[in-house]
Structures are given as structure tokens and as C-alpha cells.
């Protein structure tokens, strides 16, 4: 698994999370839990059942990468800092305002 593969998976999840569907919410939950679960909420594992197999595979790609990476790493390492802030504003406006 490469950094590029993880970056592509993040990009696909961000693209879906920017929309307004059940899958979008689940993708956002996954990404925001990674970004900062204590502030933005955790990812219920059963949410995997509510997304297409390709999105579940993207989540698994990221999770496997994180499990093997020697230190903490976040989406901004792939240039997604602004996208993550946008997802906070979209999906957690009450928390972002606090």
C-alpha cells in the first residue's frame, strides 16, 4: 500500500462526504473520527454496512495504512487540511461554533 493509494482513498471519501446523503454522512463520520474523534465524534463500525463496497474498501485501505504507520498521521499529510475543516463546518457546525 502506498502513500498515493491512501491519498486517493482519502480523496474519494472526501468527495462523497461533501455531498448530502447517508453515505456522505458515514464517510464524513469516518474521516472526522480520524481527524479528531474526541471533538468530532467517533465512527460506529456498523456504518460500514451503509456504504458501497468501494467506499468500505477505501476506509479499509486507510485503516490498514494507519495500523502499519509508525506514528500518528492525519489527512493533512496528503493536503486535505482545508477539506477536513470544510467537513467539520458541514457535518459538525454546532461543535465548530463552540
Protein backbone atom coordinates (compact mmCIF):
# COMPACT_ATOMS: atom_id res chain seq x y z
CA UNK A 1 0.00 0.00 0.00
CA UNK A 2 1.43 3.35 -1.00
CA UNK A 3 1.02 6.88 0.26
CA UNK A 4 -0.53 7.64 -3.15
CA UNK A 5 -3.11 4.87 -2.70
CA UNK A 6 -4.08 6.24 0.69
CA UNK A 7 -4.27 9.77 -0.67
CA UNK A 8 -6.56 8.60 -3.47
CA UNK A 9 -8.78 6.78 -0.94
CA UNK A 10 -8.99 9.91 1.21
CA UNK A 11 -9.88 11.96 -1.86
CA UNK A 12 -12.72 9.63 -2.83
CA UNK A 13 -14.12 9.65 0.71
CA UNK A 14 -13.86 13.45 0.93
CA UNK A 15 -15.67 13.79 -2.40
CA UNK A 16 -18.55 11.65 -1.14
CA UNK A 17 -18.57 13.34 2.29
CA UNK A 18 -19.05 16.74 0.63
CA UNK A 19 -22.46 15.63 -0.63
CA UNK A 20 -25.62 15.19 1.45
CA UNK A 21 -26.58 11.51 1.56
CA UNK A 22 -26.48 8.69 4.08
CA UNK A 23 -23.22 7.52 2.55
CA UNK A 24 -21.88 11.08 2.76
CA UNK A 25 -22.60 11.22 6.47
CA UNK A 26 -20.90 7.89 7.04
CA UNK A 27 -17.82 8.91 5.05
CA UNK A 28 -17.69 12.17 6.99
CA UNK A 29 -18.02 10.24 10.28
CA UNK A 30 -15.05 8.08 9.32
CA UNK A 31 -12.86 10.99 8.26
CA UNK A 32 -13.79 13.21 11.20
CA UNK A 33 -13.24 10.40 13.71
CA UNK A 34 -9.74 10.04 12.30
CA UNK A 35 -9.18 13.80 12.30
CA UNK A 36 -10.19 14.16 15.96
CA UNK A 37 -12.70 11.71 17.35
CA UNK A 38 -12.84 13.36 20.76
CA UNK A 39 -14.07 16.61 19.22
CA UNK A 40 -15.86 15.48 16.05
CA UNK A 41 -17.32 12.12 17.10
CA UNK A 42 -16.36 8.53 16.63
CA UNK A 43 -17.04 6.14 13.78
CA UNK A 44 -19.56 3.40 14.51
CA UNK A 45 -18.16 0.28 12.84
CA UNK A 46 -21.68 -0.67 11.70
CA UNK A 47 -21.53 2.38 9.40
CA UNK A 48 -19.53 0.14 7.07
CA UNK A 49 -22.81 -1.61 6.25
CA UNK A 50 -24.29 1.66 5.00
CA UNK A 51 -21.74 2.46 2.29
CA UNK A 52 -20.90 0.90 -1.05
CA UNK A 53 -18.21 -1.78 -1.07
CA UNK A 54 -15.79 0.58 -2.81
CA UNK A 55 -16.12 3.13 -0.01
CA UNK A 56 -15.68 0.43 2.62
CA UNK A 57 -12.55 -0.65 0.76
CA UNK A 58 -11.24 2.92 0.85
CA UNK A 59 -11.84 3.04 4.61
CA UNK A 60 -10.07 -0.31 5.00
CA UNK A 61 -7.13 0.97 2.93
CA UNK A 62 -6.75 3.95 5.23
CA UNK A 63 -7.21 1.90 8.38
CA UNK A 64 -4.61 -0.66 7.29
CA UNK A 65 -2.15 2.11 6.46
CA UNK A 66 -2.68 3.74 9.85
CA UNK A 67 -2.18 0.40 11.61
CA UNK A 68 1.19 -0.06 9.89
CA UNK A 69 2.42 3.55 10.11
CA UNK A 70 4.94 4.04 12.94
CA UNK A 71 3.46 7.31 14.27
CA UNK A 72 0.20 9.25 14.14
CA UNK A 73 -0.60 10.68 10.73
CA UNK A 74 -3.64 12.65 9.60
CA UNK A 75 -5.31 13.71 6.33
CA UNK A 76 -3.35 16.95 6.19
CA UNK A 77 -0.26 14.87 5.36
CA UNK A 78 -1.91 14.38 1.96
CA UNK A 79 -3.00 18.01 1.63
CA UNK A 80 -6.56 17.59 2.96
CA UNK A 81 -6.44 20.03 5.88
CA UNK A 82 -8.83 22.53 4.28
CA UNK A 83 -11.15 19.74 3.13
CA UNK A 84 -11.31 18.40 6.68
CA UNK A 85 -12.11 21.86 8.05
CA UNK A 86 -14.89 22.11 5.44
CA UNK A 87 -16.29 18.75 6.61
CA UNK A 88 -16.30 19.98 10.20
CA UNK A 89 -18.27 23.05 9.11
CA UNK A 90 -20.71 20.94 7.07
CA UNK A 91 -21.26 17.99 9.40
CA UNK A 92 -20.45 19.38 12.88
CA UNK A 93 -21.48 23.06 12.74
CA UNK A 94 -22.57 23.09 16.39
CA UNK A 95 -19.20 21.75 17.53
CA UNK A 96 -17.25 24.03 15.19
CA UNK A 97 -19.04 27.09 16.62
CA UNK A 98 -18.18 26.15 20.21
